[in-house]
Amino acid sequence: MNILKKKTEDAPAEAIDTGALTPADYRLPLWFFGFEGLLAAAFDILKAFPTVWPVLLVLLAVNIVVSLTMMRRRIKLAKALWRGKETRKLAFALIALRVGSHFALNAVGLAVTSTLGHVLFALVMSAMTIGVLAYSQETAVRALSRSAETV
């Protein structure tokens, strides 16, 4: 008896009902947030370790491929996220924080130049990006849930 073979004669395949997806099913997986956090910290990672740029390019390519293939059914959530003014405001606020914090530190003579400083900056930017993405996702899922209830 081979336990690796599935018995298919007795059990017909079940049809997948894609219309039964709830807005909560569109949630992005946690590992996707990790990709985005890493890419948000890419500037400081490159400043700390200049030789890792090929790895970051490969991760960017993987992120794009994964987004266009495995995450295809979550496009409704992504569209809802980017339609909202709040998400765009948060994205621009993260960029402004990123650029502004380095500018402010340079202005007061505390420029981040050490490897440790850039690694810490990368960790902070990554954590903030992941937190903002999680907040935006939760807001969008709640909005989609409310719109699904009214339909």
N, C-alpha and C. Protein backbone atom coordinates (compact mmCIF):
# COMPACT_ATOMS: atom_id res chain seq x y z
N MET A 1 0.84 -1.18 0.00
CA MET A 1 0.00 0.00 0.00
C MET A 1 0.89 1.24 0.00
N ASN A 2 0.66 2.11 -0.94
CA ASN A 2 1.43 3.34 -1.05
C ASN A 2 0.61 4.49 -0.46
N ILE A 3 1.10 5.03 0.64
CA ILE A 3 0.34 6.09 1.31
C ILE A 3 0.50 7.45 0.62
N LEU A 4 1.44 7.54 -0.30
CA LEU A 4 1.64 8.81 -1.00
C LEU A 4 0.64 9.00 -2.13
N LYS A 5 0.06 7.90 -2.64
CA LYS A 5 -0.93 8.01 -3.70
C LYS A 5 -2.28 8.37 -3.10
N LYS A 6 -2.95 9.30 -3.77
CA LYS A 6 -4.27 9.68 -3.30
C LYS A 6 -5.31 8.82 -4.00
N LYS A 7 -6.34 8.49 -3.30
CA LYS A 7 -7.41 7.70 -3.85
C LYS A 7 -8.39 8.66 -4.52
N THR A 8 -8.41 8.64 -5.84
CA THR A 8 -9.23 9.61 -6.55
C THR A 8 -10.51 9.01 -7.12
N GLU A 9 -10.62 7.69 -7.19
CA GLU A 9 -11.80 7.08 -7.78
C GLU A 9 -13.04 7.34 -6.93
N ASP A 10 -12.91 7.29 -5.62
CA ASP A 10 -14.07 7.39 -4.75
C ASP A 10 -14.46 8.83 -4.42
N ALA A 11 -13.51 9.72 -4.47
CA ALA A 11 -13.78 11.10 -4.05
C ALA A 11 -13.63 12.05 -5.23
N PRO A 12 -14.73 12.54 -5.78
CA PRO A 12 -14.61 13.50 -6.88
C PRO A 12 -14.06 14.83 -6.39
N ALA A 13 -13.44 15.53 -7.28
CA ALA A 13 -12.88 16.82 -6.91
C ALA A 13 -14.00 17.81 -6.62
N GLU A 14 -13.79 18.62 -5.58
CA GLU A 14 -14.79 19.62 -5.22
C GLU A 14 -14.60 20.86 -6.07
N ALA A 15 -15.69 21.45 -6.46
CA ALA A 15 -15.62 22.70 -7.20
C ALA A 15 -15.30 23.83 -6.22
N ILE A 16 -14.44 24.73 -6.65
CA ILE A 16 -14.07 25.86 -5.80
C ILE A 16 -15.00 27.00 -6.12
N ASP A 17 -15.66 27.49 -5.09
CA ASP A 17 -16.59 28.59 -5.25
C ASP A 17 -15.86 29.90 -4.96
N THR A 18 -15.43 30.59 -6.04
CA THR A 18 -14.69 31.83 -5.83
C THR A 18 -15.61 32.99 -5.47
N GLY A 19 -16.90 32.83 -5.68
CA GLY A 19 -17.84 33.89 -5.32
C GLY A 19 -18.08 33.96 -3.82
N ALA A 20 -17.65 32.95 -3.08
CA ALA A 20 -17.89 32.90 -1.65
C ALA A 20 -16.77 33.56 -0.85
N LEU A 21 -15.85 34.24 -1.53
CA LEU A 21 -14.76 34.89 -0.82
C LEU A 21 -15.28 36.10 -0.06
N THR A 22 -14.84 36.21 1.15
CA THR A 22 -15.21 37.38 1.95
C THR A 22 -14.09 38.40 1.85
N PRO A 23 -14.35 39.66 2.20
CA PRO A 23 -13.27 40.65 2.16
C PRO A 23 -12.06 40.25 3.02
N ALA A 24 -12.29 39.53 4.11
CA ALA A 24 -11.17 39.10 4.95
C ALA A 24 -10.26 38.12 4.22
N ASP A 25 -10.78 37.43 3.19
CA ASP A 25 -9.97 36.49 2.42
C ASP A 25 -8.95 37.21 1.54
N TYR A 26 -9.12 38.49 1.37
CA TYR A 26 -8.21 39.26 0.53
C TYR A 26 -7.00 39.77 1.30
N ARG A 27 -6.90 39.46 2.56
CA ARG A 27 -5.77 39.93 3.37
C ARG A 27 -4.45 39.48 2.76
N LEU A 28 -3.48 40.37 2.84
CA LEU A 28 -2.15 40.04 2.35
C LEU A 28 -1.43 39.18 3.39
N PRO A 29 -0.63 38.21 2.94
CA PRO A 29 0.10 37.38 3.90
C PRO A 29 1.22 38.18 4.58
N LEU A 30 1.61 37.75 5.75
CA LEU A 30 2.64 38.45 6.50
C LEU A 30 3.97 38.54 5.77
N TRP A 31 4.34 37.50 5.03
CA TRP A 31 5.62 37.53 4.34
C TRP A 31 5.65 38.63 3.28
N PHE A 32 4.50 39.01 2.74
CA PHE A 32 4.46 40.09 1.77
C PHE A 32 4.83 41.41 2.44
N PHE A 33 4.39 41.60 3.68
CA PHE A 33 4.77 42.79 4.43
C PHE A 33 6.28 42.82 4.65
N GLY A 34 6.87 41.66 4.86
CA GLY A 34 8.32 41.58 5.01
C GLY A 34 9.04 42.05 3.76
N PHE A 35 8.54 41.62 2.58
CA PHE A 35 9.11 42.10 1.32
C PHE A 35 9.06 43.62 1.26
N GLU A 36 7.89 44.17 1.54
CA GLU A 36 7.72 45.62 1.43
C GLU A 36 8.58 46.36 2.46
N GLY A 37 8.67 45.83 3.66
CA GLY A 37 9.52 46.45 4.68
C GLY A 37 10.98 46.45 4.28
N LEU A 38 11.42 45.34 3.70
CA LEU A 38 12.81 45.25 3.24
C LEU A 38 13.08 46.25 2.12
N LEU A 39 12.14 46.38 1.21
CA LEU A 39 12.34 47.34 0.11
C LEU A 39 12.29 48.78 0.61
N ALA A 40 11.50 49.04 1.64
CA ALA A 40 11.45 50.38 2.22
C ALA A 40 12.77 50.72 2.91
N ALA A 41 13.46 49.72 3.39
CA ALA A 41 14.74 49.94 4.08
C ALA A 41 15.93 49.82 3.15
N ALA A 42 15.67 49.65 1.85
CA ALA A 42 16.74 49.38 0.89
C ALA A 42 17.82 50.47 0.86
N PHE A 43 17.43 51.73 0.98
CA PHE A 43 18.42 52.81 0.93
C PHE A 43 19.46 52.64 2.03
N ASP A 44 19.01 52.43 3.25
CA ASP A 44 19.95 52.29 4.36
C ASP A 44 20.69 50.96 4.31
N ILE A 45 20.05 49.93 3.80
CA ILE A 45 20.75 48.65 3.65
C ILE A 45 21.90 48.81 2.66
N LEU A 46 21.64 49.54 1.57
CA LEU A 46 22.70 49.78 0.58
C LEU A 46 23.81 50.66 1.14
N LYS A 47 23.45 51.62 1.98
CA LYS A 47 24.48 52.47 2.60
C LYS A 47 25.33 51.66 3.57
N ALA A 48 24.70 50.71 4.28
CA ALA A 48 25.43 49.90 5.25
C ALA A 48 26.25 48.81 4.56
N PHE A 49 25.67 48.19 3.53
CA PHE A 49 26.31 47.08 2.84
C PHE A 49 26.19 47.29 1.33
N PRO A 50 27.07 48.07 0.73
CA PRO A 50 26.93 48.42 -0.70
C PRO A 50 26.97 47.23 -1.65
N THR A 51 27.51 46.12 -1.24
CA THR A 51 27.65 44.98 -2.15
C THR A 51 26.38 44.14 -2.27
N VAL A 52 25.33 44.46 -1.53
CA VAL A 52 24.12 43.63 -1.57
C VAL A 52 23.09 44.11 -2.59
N TRP A 53 23.44 45.08 -3.43
CA TRP A 53 22.46 45.59 -4.38
C TRP A 53 21.93 44.52 -5.33
N PRO A 54 22.73 43.51 -5.77
CA PRO A 54 22.12 42.47 -6.62
C PRO A 54 21.04 41.67 -5.87
N VAL A 55 21.25 41.43 -4.61
CA VAL A 55 20.25 40.70 -3.81
C VAL A 55 18.97 41.51 -3.72
N LEU A 56 19.09 42.81 -3.50
CA LEU A 56 17.90 43.66 -3.43
C LEU A 56 17.17 43.71 -4.76
N LEU A 57 17.91 43.73 -5.87
CA LEU A 57 17.27 43.71 -7.19
C LEU A 57 16.51 42.40 -7.42
N VAL A 58 17.10 41.28 -7.01
CA VAL A 58 16.42 39.99 -7.14
C VAL A 58 15.17 39.97 -6.27
N LEU A 59 15.27 40.48 -5.04
CA LEU A 59 14.09 40.52 -4.17
C LEU A 59 13.00 41.44 -4.74
N LEU A 60 13.39 42.53 -5.36
CA LEU A 60 12.42 43.41 -6.01
C LEU A 60 11.72 42.68 -7.14
N ALA A 61 12.48 41.95 -7.95
CA ALA A 61 11.90 41.18 -9.05
C ALA A 61 10.96 40.10 -8.53
N VAL A 62 11.38 39.41 -7.48
CA VAL A 62 10.52 38.38 -6.87
C VAL A 62 9.24 39.01 -6.33
N ASN A 63 9.36 40.17 -5.71
CA ASN A 63 8.21 40.88 -5.19
C ASN A 63 7.22 41.20 -6.30
N ILE A 64 7.72 41.68 -7.43
CA ILE A 64 6.85 42.01 -8.55
C ILE A 64 6.18 40.77 -9.11
N VAL A 65 6.95 39.70 -9.31
CA VAL A 65 6.39 38.46 -9.85
C VAL A 65 5.34 37.88 -8.90
N VAL A 66 5.64 37.86 -7.63
CA VAL A 66 4.69 37.34 -6.64
C VAL A 66 3.43 38.19 -6.62
N SER A 67 3.59 39.49 -6.71
CA SER A 67 2.44 40.39 -6.69
C SER A 67 1.54 40.16 -7.90
N LEU A 68 2.13 39.88 -9.05
CA LEU A 68 1.34 39.71 -10.26
C LEU A 68 0.80 38.29 -10.44
N THR A 69 1.30 37.33 -9.69
CA THR A 69 0.84 35.96 -9.85
C THR A 69 0.07 35.47 -8.63
N MET A 70 0.77 35.20 -7.56
CA MET A 70 0.14 34.62 -6.37
C MET A 70 -0.86 35.56 -5.71
N MET A 71 -0.66 36.85 -5.85
CA MET A 71 -1.50 37.82 -5.16
C MET A 71 -2.61 38.35 -6.09
N ARG A 72 -2.83 37.72 -7.21
CA ARG A 72 -3.77 38.21 -8.22
C ARG A 72 -5.17 38.44 -7.65
N ARG A 73 -5.65 37.54 -6.84
CA ARG A 73 -7.01 37.69 -6.33
C ARG A 73 -7.13 38.81 -5.30
N ARG A 74 -6.00 39.34 -4.88
CA ARG A 74 -6.03 40.42 -3.89
C ARG A 74 -5.96 41.80 -4.54
N ILE A 75 -6.09 41.83 -5.84
CA ILE A 75 -6.01 43.12 -6.54
C ILE A 75 -7.15 44.03 -6.10
N LYS A 76 -8.30 43.46 -5.77
CA LYS A 76 -9.42 44.28 -5.30
C LYS A 76 -9.03 45.05 -4.04
N LEU A 77 -8.33 44.39 -3.13
CA LEU A 77 -7.86 45.06 -1.92
C LEU A 77 -6.83 46.13 -2.26
N ALA A 78 -5.89 45.82 -3.15
CA ALA A 78 -4.87 46.80 -3.51
C ALA A 78 -5.50 48.03 -4.15
N LYS A 79 -6.48 47.83 -5.01
CA LYS A 79 -7.16 48.97 -5.63
C LYS A 79 -7.88 49.79 -4.58
N ALA A 80 -8.52 49.11 -3.65
CA ALA A 80 -9.23 49.83 -2.58
C ALA A 80 -8.24 50.61 -1.71
N LEU A 81 -7.08 50.03 -1.48
CA LEU A 81 -6.07 50.73 -0.69
C LEU A 81 -5.59 52.00 -1.38
N TRP A 82 -5.27 51.88 -2.66
CA TRP A 82 -4.70 53.04 -3.35
C TRP A 82 -5.74 54.08 -3.75
N ARG A 83 -7.02 53.72 -3.77
CA ARG A 83 -8.06 54.71 -4.03
C ARG A 83 -8.24 55.64 -2.85
N GLY A 84 -7.97 55.13 -1.67
CA GLY A 84 -8.17 55.93 -0.48
C GLY A 84 -7.10 56.99 -0.32
N LYS A 85 -7.53 58.19 0.01
CA LYS A 85 -6.59 59.29 0.22
C LYS A 85 -5.66 59.00 1.39
N GLU A 86 -6.16 58.32 2.39
CA GLU A 86 -5.36 58.05 3.59
C GLU A 86 -4.14 57.19 3.28
N THR A 87 -4.30 56.20 2.42
CA THR A 87 -3.16 55.35 2.08
C THR A 87 -2.10 56.15 1.35
N ARG A 88 -2.52 56.96 0.41
CA ARG A 88 -1.55 57.79 -0.31
C ARG A 88 -0.87 58.78 0.64
N LYS A 89 -1.63 59.34 1.56
CA LYS A 89 -1.04 60.25 2.54
C LYS A 89 0.00 59.53 3.39
N LEU A 90 -0.33 58.31 3.81
CA LEU A 90 0.62 57.54 4.62
C LEU A 90 1.88 57.20 3.83
N ALA A 91 1.72 56.85 2.56
CA ALA A 91 2.89 56.52 1.73
C ALA A 91 3.78 57.75 1.57
N PHE A 92 3.18 58.91 1.29
CA PHE A 92 3.98 60.12 1.15
C PHE A 92 4.58 60.55 2.48
N ALA A 93 3.86 60.30 3.57
CA ALA A 93 4.41 60.62 4.89
C ALA A 93 5.63 59.76 5.21
N LEU A 94 5.60 58.49 4.82
CA LEU A 94 6.76 57.63 5.03
C LEU A 94 7.96 58.12 4.21
N ILE A 95 7.71 58.53 2.98
CA ILE A 95 8.80 59.04 2.14
C ILE A 95 9.34 60.33 2.74
N ALA A 96 8.44 61.21 3.17
CA ALA A 96 8.87 62.48 3.76
C ALA A 96 9.65 62.23 5.05
N LEU A 97 9.19 61.27 5.84
CA LEU A 97 9.90 60.93 7.08
C LEU A 97 11.30 60.40 6.76
N ARG A 98 11.38 59.58 5.75
CA ARG A 98 12.65 58.98 5.36
C ARG A 98 13.65 60.06 4.94
N VAL A 99 13.21 60.91 4.03
CA VAL A 99 14.10 61.96 3.52
C VAL A 99 14.31 63.03 4.58
N GLY A 100 13.24 63.43 5.24
CA GLY A 100 13.33 64.50 6.23
C GLY A 100 14.17 64.16 7.43
N SER A 101 14.11 62.92 7.88
CA SER A 101 14.90 62.55 9.06
C SER A 101 16.40 62.60 8.76
N HIS A 102 16.79 62.11 7.58
CA HIS A 102 18.21 62.21 7.22
C HIS A 102 18.62 63.67 7.03
N PHE A 103 17.76 64.46 6.42
CA PHE A 103 18.06 65.88 6.22
C PHE A 103 18.20 66.60 7.56
N ALA A 104 17.27 66.32 8.47
CA ALA A 104 17.31 66.97 9.79
C ALA A 104 18.55 66.55 10.58
N LEU A 105 18.88 65.27 10.53
CA LEU A 105 20.09 64.81 11.22
C LEU A 105 21.35 65.44 10.63
N ASN A 106 21.38 65.58 9.30
CA ASN A 106 22.53 66.24 8.67
C ASN A 106 22.61 67.71 9.07
N ALA A 107 21.45 68.35 9.18
CA ALA A 107 21.41 69.78 9.51
C ALA A 107 21.95 70.06 10.91
N VAL A 108 21.75 69.15 11.84
CA VAL A 108 22.24 69.37 13.20
C VAL A 108 23.60 68.71 13.44
N GLY A 109 24.20 68.19 12.39
CA GLY A 109 25.54 67.63 12.51
C GLY A 109 25.58 66.20 13.02
N LEU A 110 24.47 65.49 12.95
CA LEU A 110 24.43 64.10 13.40
C LEU A 110 24.13 63.15 12.25
N ALA A 111 24.81 63.34 11.15
CA ALA A 111 24.57 62.52 9.97
C ALA A 111 24.82 61.04 10.28
N VAL A 112 23.96 60.20 9.73
CA VAL A 112 24.12 58.76 9.90
C VAL A 112 25.16 58.30 8.89
N THR A 113 26.31 57.90 9.41
CA THR A 113 27.40 57.47 8.53
C THR A 113 27.91 56.07 8.85
N SER A 114 27.62 55.58 10.02
CA SER A 114 28.14 54.27 10.41
C SER A 114 27.24 53.15 9.91
N THR A 115 27.82 51.98 9.80
CA THR A 115 27.06 50.80 9.40
C THR A 115 25.94 50.53 10.40
N LEU A 116 26.26 50.60 11.69
CA LEU A 116 25.24 50.37 12.71
C LEU A 116 24.11 51.39 12.61
N GLY A 117 24.44 52.63 12.38
CA GLY A 117 23.42 53.67 12.24
C GLY A 117 22.48 53.39 11.09
N HIS A 118 23.04 52.98 9.95
CA HIS A 118 22.20 52.66 8.78
C HIS A 118 21.37 51.41 9.02
N VAL A 119 21.93 50.42 9.71
CA VAL A 119 21.17 49.21 10.01
C VAL A 119 20.00 49.55 10.94
N LEU A 120 20.24 50.37 11.95
CA LEU A 120 19.16 50.78 12.85
C LEU A 120 18.10 51.59 12.10
N PHE A 121 18.56 52.48 11.25
CA PHE A 121 17.62 53.27 10.44
C PHE A 121 16.79 52.35 9.56
N ALA A 122 17.43 51.34 8.94
CA ALA A 122 16.71 50.39 8.10
C ALA A 122 15.67 49.62 8.90
N LEU A 123 16.03 49.21 10.11
CA LEU A 123 15.07 48.49 10.95
C LEU A 123 13.87 49.35 11.31
N VAL A 124 14.13 50.61 11.63
CA VAL A 124 13.03 51.52 11.99
C VAL A 124 12.13 51.76 10.79
N MET A 125 12.72 52.03 9.63
CA MET A 125 11.91 52.27 8.43
C MET A 125 11.13 51.03 8.02
N SER A 126 11.73 49.87 8.16
CA SER A 126 11.04 48.62 7.84
C SER A 126 9.86 48.40 8.78
N ALA A 127 10.09 48.59 10.06
CA ALA A 127 9.01 48.39 11.05
C ALA A 127 7.88 49.38 10.83
N MET A 128 8.23 50.63 10.54
CA MET A 128 7.19 51.63 10.31
C MET A 128 6.39 51.31 9.05
N THR A 129 7.06 50.86 8.00
CA THR A 129 6.36 50.51 6.76
C THR A 129 5.43 49.34 6.98
N ILE A 130 5.89 48.33 7.67
CA ILE A 130 5.05 47.16 7.95
C ILE A 130 3.84 47.57 8.79
N GLY A 131 4.06 48.42 9.79
CA GLY A 131 2.96 48.89 10.62
C GLY A 131 1.94 49.68 9.83
N VAL A 132 2.40 50.56 8.95
CA VAL A 132 1.48 51.36 8.13
C VAL A 132 0.72 50.47 7.15
N LEU A 133 1.40 49.50 6.55
CA LEU A 133 0.72 48.58 5.64
C LEU A 133 -0.34 47.75 6.36
N ALA A 134 -0.01 47.28 7.54
CA ALA A 134 -0.99 46.49 8.31
C ALA A 134 -2.20 47.35 8.68
N TYR A 135 -1.95 48.58 9.07
CA TYR A 135 -3.05 49.50 9.41
C TYR A 135 -3.91 49.78 8.18
N SER A 136 -3.28 50.06 7.04
CA SER A 136 -4.02 50.34 5.81
C SER A 136 -4.83 49.13 5.37
N GLN A 137 -4.24 47.96 5.48
CA GLN A 137 -4.96 46.75 5.10
C GLN A 137 -6.18 46.55 5.98
N GLU A 138 -6.01 46.72 7.27
CA GLU A 138 -7.12 46.53 8.19
C GLU A 138 -8.26 47.51 7.89
N THR A 139 -7.89 48.75 7.59
CA THR A 139 -8.88 49.76 7.25
C THR A 139 -9.61 49.39 5.96
N ALA A 140 -8.88 48.94 4.95
CA ALA A 140 -9.49 48.56 3.68
C ALA A 140 -10.38 47.34 3.82
N VAL A 141 -9.95 46.35 4.60
CA VAL A 141 -10.76 45.16 4.79
C VAL A 141 -12.06 45.51 5.51
N ARG A 142 -11.98 46.41 6.50
CA ARG A 142 -13.20 46.86 7.17
C ARG A 142 -14.14 47.57 6.20
N ALA A 143 -13.57 48.41 5.34
CA ALA A 143 -14.39 49.13 4.35
C ALA A 143 -15.02 48.16 3.35
N LEU A 144 -14.25 47.19 2.88
CA LEU A 144 -14.78 46.20 1.97
C LEU A 144 -15.86 45.35 2.64
N SER A 145 -15.67 45.03 3.91
CA SER A 145 -16.66 44.26 4.64
C SER A 145 -17.97 45.02 4.75
N ARG A 146 -17.87 46.31 5.03
CA ARG A 146 -19.08 47.14 5.12
C ARG A 146 -19.77 47.25 3.78
N SER A 147 -19.00 47.39 2.71
CA SER A 147 -19.64 47.49 1.38
C SER A 147 -20.23 46.16 0.96
N ALA A 148 -19.62 45.05 1.38
CA ALA A 148 -20.17 43.73 1.06
C ALA A 148 -21.48 43.47 1.81
N GLU A 149 -21.59 44.03 3.00
CA GLU A 149 -22.80 43.85 3.79
C GLU A 149 -23.97 44.62 3.19
N THR A 150 -23.69 45.74 2.55
CA THR A 150 -24.77 46.55 1.98
C THR A 150 -25.22 46.05 0.62
N VAL A 151 -24.42 45.18 -0.01
CA VAL A 151 -24.79 44.68 -1.34
C VAL A 151 -25.74 43.55 -1.25
